[in-house]
Amino acid sequence: MSIIENKFKTVQKYYGQLVIGPPGAGKTTYCNEMSKLLRKLNRKVVIVNMDPANDNITYQPDIDIRELINLEDVMTEYQLGPNGALLYCMEYLEKNIDWLLDKIQGEHSTNFIFDLPGQVELYSHHESLSSIFTKFTSLANLQLCVIHLIDSHHCSDAAKFISALMLSLNAMLKIGLPHINLLTKIDLLKKHSDKLQFGIDFYTEVLDLNYLLDSLDSDMFTNKYKKLNGALISIIEDYSLVTFQLINMYQEDSLIKIKNLVDKANGYVFKAEEGRHINSMLACAMGVPDPSNVYSEF
């Protein structure tokens, strides 16, 4: 028996969501509502606030970066603006990552939700967050996926939508983790669907973007950059990586749909102790939802 036990050691594995997106996209609301759903499903959930400037938290964080470093203190001490101070905070966290790694503890299969700052430069070209994510996976045994929130009002403007696509693509390539892009505040978008040039599927599936060039060409500002617009669309379509899911954070069925996608992306659905491991793998491979995964936790 001892030989078998030594050969098959239990691995303490955690699962996490890295919630990113521009300011106002709904990151904190998502963290709050998703944590409520997961706890309703009897999962152990740990919320990590990694935004040292987040003063409007609607949840009680289990781990809070503000215990390590505070944005206002950095601004005062080093005479920095908000963006510069935030970059300093992330670099400080990177150098003191052991502080955070020591707090990432819990039962096997604990779900971690990381609420990240909204400054897009942190995950579009700055190195600190990418380094921190790498240490999460290598040192804390965290299986992660990225949840990238984009305000759905960008769909009503061709230039803004292309910007959102470029931001999403940049983040996917820079971070290099399983990625789920979400269009938030979809309830408001549906109320103003008459402002959309195309059906909602055009935006979620990111269909032929050349149709957007006509809108850009007719705009007094963007028509000056016709070649640039065409080049950006070409880049997005050449990679063919970006699609979006719709989410209404206050509807449970919408949250469950995203929860199922997250479970597949970070590997939670393949937990060995879940008796439906093979069924889940087959469902994932076939691209269809696994009924047992959707309802059995209720």
C-alpha atoms as a PDB file:
ATOM      1  CA  MET A   1       0.000   0.000   0.000  1.00  0.00           C
ATOM      2  CA  SER A   2       2.815   2.405   0.872  1.00  0.00           C
ATOM      3  CA  ILE A   3       4.403   1.876  -2.564  1.00  0.00           C
ATOM      4  CA  ILE A   4       1.148   2.806  -4.266  1.00  0.00           C
ATOM      5  CA  GLU A   5       0.703   5.840  -2.039  1.00  0.00           C
ATOM      6  CA  ASN A   6       4.215   7.033  -2.830  1.00  0.00           C
ATOM      7  CA  LYS A   7       3.696   6.530  -6.549  1.00  0.00           C
ATOM      8  CA  PHE A   8       0.391   8.382  -6.708  1.00  0.00           C
ATOM      9  CA  LYS A   9       0.794  11.464  -4.559  1.00  0.00           C
ATOM     10  CA  THR A  10      -2.136  13.833  -4.156  1.00  0.00           C
ATOM     11  CA  VAL A  11      -1.477  17.141  -5.881  1.00  0.00           C
ATOM     12  CA  GLN A  12      -2.977  20.261  -4.335  1.00  0.00           C
ATOM     13  CA  LYS A  13      -4.326  22.073  -7.360  1.00  0.00           C
ATOM     14  CA  TYR A  14      -6.166  25.388  -7.534  1.00  0.00           C
ATOM     15  CA  TYR A  15      -8.208  26.989 -10.321  1.00  0.00           C
ATOM     16  CA  GLY A  16      -8.417  30.675 -11.085  1.00  0.00           C
ATOM     17  CA  GLN A  17      -9.920  33.448 -13.176  1.00  0.00           C
ATOM     18  CA  LEU A  18      -7.866  36.540 -14.025  1.00  0.00           C
ATOM     19  CA  VAL A  19     -10.480  39.266 -14.566  1.00  0.00           C
ATOM     20  CA  ILE A  20      -9.163  42.091 -16.766  1.00  0.00           C
ATOM     21  CA  GLY A  21     -10.671  44.852 -18.873  1.00  0.00           C
ATOM     22  CA  PRO A  22     -10.825  48.642 -19.245  1.00  0.00           C
ATOM     23  CA  PRO A  23     -12.213  50.801 -16.423  1.00  0.00           C
ATOM     24  CA  GLY A  24     -15.997  50.668 -16.188  1.00  0.00           C
ATOM     25  CA  ALA A  25     -16.348  47.340 -17.986  1.00  0.00           C
ATOM     26  CA  GLY A  26     -17.731  45.655 -14.860  1.00  0.00           C
ATOM     27  CA  LYS A  27     -14.776  43.696 -13.445  1.00  0.00           C
ATOM     28  CA  THR A  28     -15.652  44.190  -9.782  1.00  0.00           C
ATOM     29  CA  THR A  29     -19.318  43.403 -10.421  1.00  0.00           C
ATOM     30  CA  TYR A  30     -18.336  40.249 -12.285  1.00  0.00           C
ATOM     31  CA  CYS A  31     -16.089  39.108  -9.424  1.00  0.00           C
ATOM     32  CA  ASN A  32     -18.872  39.701  -6.917  1.00  0.00           C
ATOM     33  CA  GLU A  33     -21.631  37.959  -8.879  1.00  0.00           C
ATOM     34  CA  MET A  34     -19.471  35.047 -10.034  1.00  0.00           C
ATOM     35  CA  SER A  35     -18.258  34.415  -6.488  1.00  0.00           C
ATOM     36  CA  LYS A  36     -21.872  34.300  -5.283  1.00  0.00           C
ATOM     37  CA  LEU A  37     -22.736  31.728  -7.932  1.00  0.00           C
ATOM     38  CA  LEU A  38     -19.729  29.512  -7.183  1.00  0.00           C
ATOM     39  CA  ARG A  39     -20.475  29.587  -3.457  1.00  0.00           C
ATOM     40  CA  LYS A  40     -24.070  28.679  -4.201  1.00  0.00           C
ATOM     41  CA  LEU A  41     -22.633  25.628  -5.961  1.00  0.00           C
ATOM     42  CA  ASN A  42     -20.771  24.775  -2.732  1.00  0.00           C
ATOM     43  CA  ARG A  43     -17.355  25.632  -4.102  1.00  0.00           C
ATOM     44  CA  LYS A  44     -14.598  27.112  -2.010  1.00  0.00           C
ATOM     45  CA  VAL A  45     -13.977  30.605  -3.412  1.00  0.00           C
ATOM     46  CA  VAL A  46     -11.174  33.077  -2.670  1.00  0.00           C
ATOM     47  CA  ILE A  47     -11.424  36.613  -4.101  1.00  0.00           C
ATOM     48  CA  VAL A  48      -8.153  38.462  -4.590  1.00  0.00           C
ATOM     49  CA  ASN A  49      -8.206  42.226  -5.080  1.00  0.00           C
ATOM     50  CA  MET A  50      -5.094  43.093  -7.092  1.00  0.00           C
ATOM     51  CA  ASP A  51      -6.121  46.686  -7.767  1.00  0.00           C
ATOM     52  CA  PRO A  52      -4.453  49.042  -5.245  1.00  0.00           C
ATOM     53  CA  ALA A  53      -6.769  51.846  -6.423  1.00  0.00           C
ATOM     54  CA  ASN A  54     -10.042  49.945  -6.057  1.00  0.00           C
ATOM     55  CA  ASP A  55     -12.039  51.936  -3.491  1.00  0.00           C
ATOM     56  CA  ASN A  56     -15.503  50.835  -4.600  1.00  0.00           C
ATOM     57  CA  ILE A  57     -15.378  47.118  -3.855  1.00  0.00           C
ATOM     58  CA  THR A  58     -18.814  45.525  -3.573  1.00  0.00           C
ATOM     59  CA  TYR A  59     -17.391  42.332  -2.078  1.00  0.00           C
ATOM     60  CA  GLN A  60     -15.163  41.480   0.874  1.00  0.00           C
ATOM     61  CA  PRO A  61     -11.777  40.440  -0.559  1.00  0.00           C
ATOM     62  CA  ASP A  62     -10.098  37.452   1.035  1.00  0.00           C
ATOM     63  CA  ILE A  63      -6.703  38.733  -0.118  1.00  0.00           C
ATOM     64  CA  ASP A  64      -6.138  42.454  -0.717  1.00  0.00           C
ATOM     65  CA  ILE A  65      -3.040  43.987  -2.322  1.00  0.00           C
ATOM     66  CA  ARG A  66      -3.746  47.198  -0.397  1.00  0.00           C
ATOM     67  CA  GLU A  67      -2.394  45.423   2.679  1.00  0.00           C
ATOM     68  CA  LEU A  68       0.959  45.347   0.880  1.00  0.00           C
ATOM     69  CA  ILE A  69       0.931  48.650  -0.977  1.00  0.00           C
ATOM     70  CA  ASN A  70      -1.510  51.520  -1.395  1.00  0.00           C
ATOM     71  CA  LEU A  71      -1.828  53.690  -4.508  1.00  0.00           C
ATOM     72  CA  GLU A  72      -2.352  56.972  -2.664  1.00  0.00           C
ATOM     73  CA  ASP A  73       0.720  56.385  -0.492  1.00  0.00           C
ATOM     74  CA  VAL A  74       2.826  55.780  -3.607  1.00  0.00           C
ATOM     75  CA  MET A  75       1.476  58.919  -5.308  1.00  0.00           C
ATOM     76  CA  THR A  76       2.277  61.010  -2.233  1.00  0.00           C
ATOM     77  CA  GLU A  77       5.708  59.579  -1.512  1.00  0.00           C
ATOM     78  CA  TYR A  78       7.051  59.512  -5.077  1.00  0.00           C
ATOM     79  CA  GLN A  79       5.047  62.432  -6.561  1.00  0.00           C
ATOM     80  CA  LEU A  80       3.553  60.209  -9.266  1.00  0.00           C
ATOM     81  CA  GLY A  81       0.280  60.425 -11.122  1.00  0.00           C
ATOM     82  CA  PRO A  82      -2.323  57.633 -10.919  1.00  0.00           C
ATOM     83  CA  ASN A  83      -1.003  55.659 -13.903  1.00  0.00           C
ATOM     84  CA  GLY A  84       2.650  55.930 -12.909  1.00  0.00           C
ATOM     85  CA  ALA A  85       1.818  54.986  -9.325  1.00  0.00           C
ATOM     86  CA  LEU A  86      -0.146  51.955 -10.504  1.00  0.00           C
ATOM     87  CA  LEU A  87       2.795  50.760 -12.605  1.00  0.00           C
ATOM     88  CA  TYR A  88       5.011  51.160  -9.542  1.00  0.00           C
ATOM     89  CA  CYS A  89       2.550  49.117  -7.444  1.00  0.00           C
ATOM     90  CA  MET A  90       2.560  46.251  -9.935  1.00  0.00           C
ATOM     91  CA  GLU A  91       6.362  46.273 -10.137  1.00  0.00           C
ATOM     92  CA  TYR A  92       6.502  46.305  -6.338  1.00  0.00           C
ATOM     93  CA  LEU A  93       4.133  43.320  -6.184  1.00  0.00           C
ATOM     94  CA  GLU A  94       6.262  41.493  -8.743  1.00  0.00           C
ATOM     95  CA  LYS A  95       9.364  41.981  -6.581  1.00  0.00           C
ATOM     96  CA  ASN A  96       7.462  40.945  -3.456  1.00  0.00           C
ATOM     97  CA  ILE A  97       5.455  38.148  -5.048  1.00  0.00           C
ATOM     98  CA  ASP A  98       6.209  35.829  -2.114  1.00  0.00           C
ATOM     99  CA  TRP A  99       3.820  37.930  -0.024  1.00  0.00           C
ATOM    100  CA  LEU A 100       0.973  36.991  -2.359  1.00  0.00           C
ATOM    101  CA  LEU A 101       2.071  33.413  -3.026  1.00  0.00           C
ATOM    102  CA  ASP A 102       2.109  32.712   0.720  1.00  0.00           C
ATOM    103  CA  LYS A 103      -1.549  33.773   0.893  1.00  0.00           C
ATOM    104  CA  ILE A 104      -2.686  31.605  -2.031  1.00  0.00           C
ATOM    105  CA  GLN A 105      -3.713  28.640   0.032  1.00  0.00           C
ATOM    106  CA  GLY A 106      -6.849  26.599   0.451  1.00  0.00           C
ATOM    107  CA  GLU A 107      -8.503  23.283   0.012  1.00  0.00           C
ATOM    108  CA  HIS A 108      -7.901  21.209  -3.090  1.00  0.00           C
ATOM    109  CA  SER A 109      -9.778  22.672  -6.109  1.00  0.00           C
ATOM    110  CA  THR A 110     -10.324  26.060  -4.481  1.00  0.00           C
ATOM    111  CA  ASN A 111     -11.530  28.645  -7.021  1.00  0.00           C
ATOM    112  CA  PHE A 112      -9.571  31.922  -7.031  1.00  0.00           C
ATOM    113  CA  ILE A 113     -10.979  35.069  -8.651  1.00  0.00           C
ATOM    114  CA  PHE A 114      -8.423  37.833  -9.272  1.00  0.00           C
ATOM    115  CA  ASP A 115      -9.825  41.348  -9.672  1.00  0.00           C
ATOM    116  CA  LEU A 116      -7.182  43.225 -11.667  1.00  0.00           C
ATOM    117  CA  PRO A 117      -6.618  46.946 -12.388  1.00  0.00           C
ATOM    118  CA  GLY A 118      -8.278  48.520 -15.399  1.00  0.00           C
ATOM    119  CA  GLN A 119      -5.246  50.270 -16.932  1.00  0.00           C
ATOM    120  CA  VAL A 120      -4.862  48.434 -20.233  1.00  0.00           C
ATOM    121  CA  GLU A 121      -1.121  49.090 -20.534  1.00  0.00           C
ATOM    122  CA  LEU A 122      -0.562  46.677 -17.647  1.00  0.00           C
ATOM    123  CA  TYR A 123      -1.554  43.697 -19.779  1.00  0.00           C
ATOM    124  CA  SER A 124      -0.998  45.072 -23.275  1.00  0.00           C
ATOM    125  CA  HIS A 125       2.738  45.865 -23.109  1.00  0.00           C
ATOM    126  CA  HIS A 126       3.968  46.118 -19.504  1.00  0.00           C
ATOM    127  CA  GLU A 127       5.816  43.054 -18.214  1.00  0.00           C
ATOM    128  CA  SER A 128       4.976  42.867 -14.510  1.00  0.00           C
ATOM    129  CA  LEU A 129       1.539  41.242 -14.710  1.00  0.00           C
ATOM    130  CA  SER A 130       2.717  38.658 -17.243  1.00  0.00           C
ATOM    131  CA  SER A 131       5.562  37.764 -14.882  1.00  0.00           C
ATOM    132  CA  ILE A 132       3.177  37.527 -11.926  1.00  0.00           C
ATOM    133  CA  PHE A 133       0.812  35.244 -13.876  1.00  0.00           C
ATOM    134  CA  THR A 134       3.717  32.987 -14.808  1.00  0.00           C
ATOM    135  CA  LYS A 135       4.664  32.657 -11.136  1.00  0.00           C
ATOM    136  CA  PHE A 136       1.057  31.842 -10.266  1.00  0.00           C
ATOM    137  CA  THR A 137       1.112  28.847 -12.585  1.00  0.00           C
ATOM    138  CA  SER A 138       4.645  27.668 -11.820  1.00  0.00           C
ATOM    139  CA  LEU A 139       4.901  28.307  -8.069  1.00  0.00           C
ATOM    140  CA  ALA A 140       1.321  28.315  -6.743  1.00  0.00           C
ATOM    141  CA  ASN A 141       0.009  25.401  -8.826  1.00  0.00           C
ATOM    142  CA  LEU A 142      -2.794  27.573 -10.188  1.00  0.00           C
ATOM    143  CA  GLN A 143      -4.549  26.619 -13.416  1.00  0.00           C
ATOM    144  CA  LEU A 144      -5.691  29.912 -14.855  1.00  0.00           C
ATOM    145  CA  CYS A 145      -7.810  31.430 -17.566  1.00  0.00           C
ATOM    146  CA  VAL A 146      -8.315  35.084 -18.453  1.00  0.00           C
ATOM    147  CA  ILE A 147     -11.730  36.762 -18.407  1.00  0.00           C
ATOM    148  CA  HIS A 148     -11.516  39.905 -20.532  1.00  0.00           C
ATOM    149  CA  LEU A 149     -14.488  42.237 -20.122  1.00  0.00           C
ATOM    150  CA  ILE A 150     -15.423  44.745 -22.824  1.00  0.00           C
ATOM    151  CA  ASP A 151     -18.338  47.172 -22.537  1.00  0.00           C
ATOM    152  CA  SER A 152     -20.864  46.222 -25.223  1.00  0.00           C
ATOM    153  CA  HIS A 153     -21.531  49.861 -26.106  1.00  0.00           C
ATOM    154  CA  HIS A 154     -18.387  49.633 -28.275  1.00  0.00           C
ATOM    155  CA  CYS A 155     -20.476  47.625 -30.753  1.00  0.00           C
ATOM    156  CA  SER A 156     -22.436  50.755 -31.636  1.00  0.00           C
ATOM    157  CA  ASP A 157     -19.338  52.466 -33.053  1.00  0.00           C
ATOM    158  CA  ALA A 158     -17.171  50.803 -35.701  1.00  0.00           C
ATOM    159  CA  ALA A 159     -13.943  52.518 -34.609  1.00  0.00           C
ATOM    160  CA  LYS A 160     -14.477  51.637 -30.942  1.00  0.00           C
ATOM    161  CA  PHE A 161     -15.297  48.022 -31.808  1.00  0.00           C
ATOM    162  CA  ILE A 162     -12.087  47.619 -33.827  1.00  0.00           C
ATOM    163  CA  SER A 163     -10.157  49.161 -30.921  1.00  0.00           C
ATOM    164  CA  ALA A 164     -11.762  46.636 -28.567  1.00  0.00           C
ATOM    165  CA  LEU A 165     -10.815  43.812 -30.934  1.00  0.00           C
ATOM    166  CA  MET A 166      -7.201  44.969 -31.096  1.00  0.00           C
ATOM    167  CA  LEU A 167      -7.063  45.271 -27.307  1.00  0.00           C
ATOM    168  CA  SER A 168      -8.469  41.757 -26.883  1.00  0.00           C
ATOM    169  CA  LEU A 169      -6.087  40.289 -29.448  1.00  0.00           C
ATOM    170  CA  ASN A 170      -3.125  42.064 -27.876  1.00  0.00           C
ATOM    171  CA  ALA A 171      -4.023  40.721 -24.424  1.00  0.00           C
ATOM    172  CA  MET A 172      -4.477  37.176 -25.733  1.00  0.00           C
ATOM    173  CA  LEU A 173      -1.061  37.175 -27.389  1.00  0.00           C
ATOM    174  CA  LYS A 174       0.701  38.981 -24.535  1.00  0.00           C
ATOM    175  CA  ILE A 175      -0.630  36.914 -21.622  1.00  0.00           C
ATOM    176  CA  GLY A 176      -0.651  33.567 -23.390  1.00  0.00           C
ATOM    177  CA  LEU A 177      -3.325  31.868 -21.260  1.00  0.00           C
ATOM    178  CA  PRO A 178      -6.773  30.451 -22.134  1.00  0.00           C
ATOM    179  CA  HIS A 179      -8.894  33.477 -22.827  1.00  0.00           C
ATOM    180  CA  ILE A 180     -12.640  34.253 -22.680  1.00  0.00           C
ATOM    181  CA  ASN A 181     -13.774  37.629 -24.019  1.00  0.00           C
ATOM    182  CA  LEU A 182     -17.070  38.916 -22.638  1.00  0.00           C
ATOM    183  CA  LEU A 183     -19.349  41.704 -23.822  1.00  0.00           C
ATOM    184  CA  THR A 184     -20.869  43.183 -20.675  1.00  0.00           C
ATOM    185  CA  LYS A 185     -23.987  45.278 -20.027  1.00  0.00           C
ATOM    186  CA  ILE A 186     -25.711  43.332 -22.767  1.00  0.00           C
ATOM    187  CA  ASP A 187     -29.121  44.192 -21.288  1.00  0.00           C
ATOM    188  CA  LEU A 188     -28.491  47.842 -22.177  1.00  0.00           C
ATOM    189  CA  LEU A 189     -27.246  46.923 -25.652  1.00  0.00           C
ATOM    190  CA  LYS A 190     -30.435  45.000 -26.434  1.00  0.00           C
ATOM    191  CA  LYS A 191     -32.494  48.039 -25.492  1.00  0.00           C
ATOM    192  CA  HIS A 192     -30.615  50.059 -28.101  1.00  0.00           C
ATOM    193  CA  SER A 193     -30.163  47.366 -30.735  1.00  0.00           C
ATOM    194  CA  ASP A 194     -31.479  49.793 -33.366  1.00  0.00           C
ATOM    195  CA  LYS A 195     -28.127  51.598 -33.114  1.00  0.00           C
ATOM    196  CA  LEU A 196     -26.226  48.511 -34.264  1.00  0.00           C
ATOM    197  CA  GLN A 197     -25.336  48.329 -37.938  1.00  0.00           C
ATOM    198  CA  PHE A 198     -25.446  44.537 -37.916  1.00  0.00           C
ATOM    199  CA  GLY A 199     -26.999  41.734 -35.906  1.00  0.00           C
ATOM    200  CA  ILE A 200     -25.434  40.856 -32.569  1.00  0.00           C
ATOM    201  CA  ASP A 201     -23.909  37.668 -34.047  1.00  0.00           C
ATOM    202  CA  PHE A 202     -21.737  39.834 -36.286  1.00  0.00           C
ATOM    203  CA  TYR A 203     -20.038  41.241 -33.185  1.00  0.00           C
ATOM    204  CA  THR A 204     -19.843  38.085 -31.062  1.00  0.00           C
ATOM    205  CA  GLU A 205     -18.513  35.868 -33.868  1.00  0.00           C
ATOM    206  CA  VAL A 206     -16.407  38.707 -35.348  1.00  0.00           C
ATOM    207  CA  LEU A 207     -17.575  38.074 -38.907  1.00  0.00           C
ATOM    208  CA  ASP A 208     -16.318  39.799 -42.071  1.00  0.00           C
ATOM    209  CA  LEU A 209     -14.945  43.060 -40.679  1.00  0.00           C
ATOM    210  CA  ASN A 210     -14.563  44.581 -44.121  1.00  0.00           C
ATOM    211  CA  TYR A 211     -18.193  45.611 -43.786  1.00  0.00           C
ATOM    212  CA  LEU A 212     -17.070  48.001 -41.060  1.00  0.00           C
ATOM    213  CA  LEU A 213     -14.714  49.790 -43.440  1.00  0.00           C
ATOM    214  CA  ASP A 214     -17.666  51.500 -45.117  1.00  0.00           C
ATOM    215  CA  SER A 215     -18.664  53.000 -41.769  1.00  0.00           C
ATOM    216  CA  LEU A 216     -15.122  54.111 -41.085  1.00  0.00           C
ATOM    217  CA  ASP A 217     -14.793  55.644 -44.535  1.00  0.00           C
ATOM    218  CA  SER A 218     -17.947  57.693 -44.031  1.00  0.00           C
ATOM    219  CA  ASP A 219     -16.740  59.115 -40.706  1.00  0.00           C
ATOM    220  CA  MET A 220     -15.032  62.510 -40.928  1.00  0.00           C
ATOM    221  CA  PHE A 221     -12.320  61.519 -38.457  1.00  0.00           C
ATOM    222  CA  THR A 222     -11.571  57.884 -39.331  1.00  0.00           C
ATOM    223  CA  ASN A 223     -11.756  58.295 -43.135  1.00  0.00           C
ATOM    224  CA  LYS A 224      -8.308  59.919 -42.976  1.00  0.00           C
ATOM    225  CA  TYR A 225      -6.843  56.581 -41.881  1.00  0.00           C
ATOM    226  CA  LYS A 226      -8.303  54.257 -44.498  1.00  0.00           C
ATOM    227  CA  LYS A 227      -5.097  52.254 -45.008  1.00  0.00           C
ATOM    228  CA  LEU A 228      -4.532  51.960 -41.271  1.00  0.00           C
ATOM    229  CA  ASN A 229      -8.106  50.802 -40.736  1.00  0.00           C
ATOM    230  CA  GLY A 230      -7.709  48.164 -43.427  1.00  0.00           C
ATOM    231  CA  ALA A 231      -4.407  46.998 -41.930  1.00  0.00           C
ATOM    232  CA  LEU A 232      -5.906  46.644 -38.447  1.00  0.00           C
ATOM    233  CA  ILE A 233      -8.820  44.612 -39.765  1.00  0.00           C
ATOM    234  CA  SER A 234      -6.407  42.428 -41.713  1.00  0.00           C
ATOM    235  CA  ILE A 235      -4.376  41.705 -38.555  1.00  0.00           C
ATOM    236  CA  ILE A 236      -7.491  40.757 -36.567  1.00  0.00           C
ATOM    237  CA  GLU A 237      -8.785  38.453 -39.294  1.00  0.00           C
ATOM    238  CA  ASP A 238      -5.373  36.891 -39.983  1.00  0.00           C
ATOM    239  CA  TYR A 239      -5.057  35.763 -36.353  1.00  0.00           C
ATOM    240  CA  SER A 240      -8.743  34.775 -36.215  1.00  0.00           C
ATOM    241  CA  LEU A 241      -8.585  34.375 -32.427  1.00  0.00           C
ATOM    242  CA  VAL A 242     -11.078  36.879 -31.043  1.00  0.00           C
ATOM    243  CA  THR A 243     -14.715  36.046 -30.397  1.00  0.00           C
ATOM    244  CA  PHE A 244     -17.052  37.279 -27.687  1.00  0.00           C
ATOM    245  CA  GLN A 245     -19.576  35.800 -25.303  1.00  0.00           C
ATOM    246  CA  LEU A 246     -22.531  37.807 -24.032  1.00  0.00           C
ATOM    247  CA  ILE A 247     -23.095  38.157 -20.300  1.00  0.00           C
ATOM    248  CA  ASN A 248     -25.778  39.642 -18.102  1.00  0.00           C
ATOM    249  CA  MET A 249     -24.193  39.521 -14.665  1.00  0.00           C
ATOM    250  CA  TYR A 250     -27.538  39.711 -12.882  1.00  0.00           C
ATOM    251  CA  GLN A 251     -29.038  36.684 -14.643  1.00  0.00           C
ATOM    252  CA  GLU A 252     -28.058  33.337 -13.170  1.00  0.00           C
ATOM    253  CA  ASP A 253     -28.433  31.378 -16.408  1.00  0.00           C
ATOM    254  CA  SER A 254     -26.045  33.804 -18.134  1.00  0.00           C
ATOM    255  CA  LEU A 255     -23.491  33.421 -15.329  1.00  0.00           C
ATOM    256  CA  ILE A 256     -23.826  29.620 -15.441  1.00  0.00           C
ATOM    257  CA  LYS A 257     -23.025  29.633 -19.154  1.00  0.00           C
ATOM    258  CA  ILE A 258     -19.843  31.610 -18.505  1.00  0.00           C
ATOM    259  CA  LYS A 259     -19.000  29.437 -15.494  1.00  0.00           C
ATOM    260  CA  ASN A 260     -19.095  26.356 -17.723  1.00  0.00           C
ATOM    261  CA  LEU A 261     -16.759  28.002 -20.230  1.00  0.00           C
ATOM    262  CA  VAL A 262     -14.388  28.985 -17.424  1.00  0.00           C
ATOM    263  CA  ASP A 263     -14.394  25.441 -16.040  1.00  0.00           C
ATOM    264  CA  LYS A 264     -13.318  24.117 -19.428  1.00  0.00           C
ATOM    265  CA  ALA A 265     -10.719  26.848 -19.951  1.00  0.00           C
ATOM    266  CA  ASN A 266      -8.925  26.456 -16.606  1.00  0.00           C
ATOM    267  CA  GLY A 267      -9.405  22.692 -16.364  1.00  0.00           C
ATOM    268  CA  TYR A 268     -11.788  22.544 -13.410  1.00  0.00           C
ATOM    269  CA  VAL A 269     -14.149  20.380 -15.454  1.00  0.00           C
ATOM    270  CA  PHE A 270     -11.471  17.679 -15.647  1.00  0.00           C
ATOM    271  CA  LYS A 271     -11.074  17.239 -11.891  1.00  0.00           C
ATOM    272  CA  ALA A 272     -10.358  13.553 -11.208  1.00  0.00           C
ATOM    273  CA  GLU A 273     -12.691  13.407  -8.227  1.00  0.00           C
ATOM    274  CA  GLU A 274     -15.627  14.393 -10.397  1.00  0.00           C
ATOM    275  CA  GLY A 275     -17.046  11.064 -11.483  1.00  0.00           C
ATOM    276  CA  ARG A 276     -18.040  12.411 -14.885  1.00  0.00           C
ATOM    277  CA  HIS A 277     -14.455  13.063 -16.040  1.00  0.00           C
ATOM    278  CA  ILE A 278     -14.733  11.094 -19.307  1.00  0.00           C
ATOM    279  CA  ASN A 279     -18.155  12.515 -20.165  1.00  0.00           C
ATOM    280  CA  SER A 280     -16.852  16.025 -19.575  1.00  0.00           C
ATOM    281  CA  MET A 281     -13.839  15.444 -21.809  1.00  0.00           C
ATOM    282  CA  LEU A 282     -16.026  14.077 -24.608  1.00  0.00           C
ATOM    283  CA  ALA A 283     -18.474  16.955 -24.284  1.00  0.00           C
ATOM    284  CA  CYS A 284     -15.615  19.462 -24.403  1.00  0.00           C
ATOM    285  CA  ALA A 285     -14.091  17.785 -27.453  1.00  0.00           C
ATOM    286  CA  MET A 286     -17.454  17.791 -29.236  1.00  0.00           C
ATOM    287  CA  GLY A 287     -18.019  21.448 -28.363  1.00  0.00           C
ATOM    288  CA  VAL A 288     -21.320  20.758 -26.598  1.00  0.00           C
ATOM    289  CA  PRO A 289     -22.252  21.445 -22.974  1.00  0.00           C
ATOM    290  CA  ASP A 290     -22.012  18.582 -20.514  1.00  0.00           C
ATOM    291  CA  PRO A 291     -25.432  18.358 -18.820  1.00  0.00           C
ATOM    292  CA  SER A 292     -23.969  16.812 -15.686  1.00  0.00           C
ATOM    293  CA  ASN A 293     -21.563  19.729 -15.346  1.00  0.00           C
ATOM    294  CA  VAL A 294     -24.332  22.322 -15.689  1.00  0.00           C
ATOM    295  CA  TYR A 295     -26.825  21.061 -13.178  1.00  0.00           C
ATOM    296  CA  SER A 296     -25.287  18.569 -10.786  1.00  0.00           C
ATOM    297  CA  GLU A 297     -23.843  21.241  -8.496  1.00  0.00           C
ATOM    298  CA  PHE A 298     -27.236  22.775  -7.698  1.00  0.00           C
END
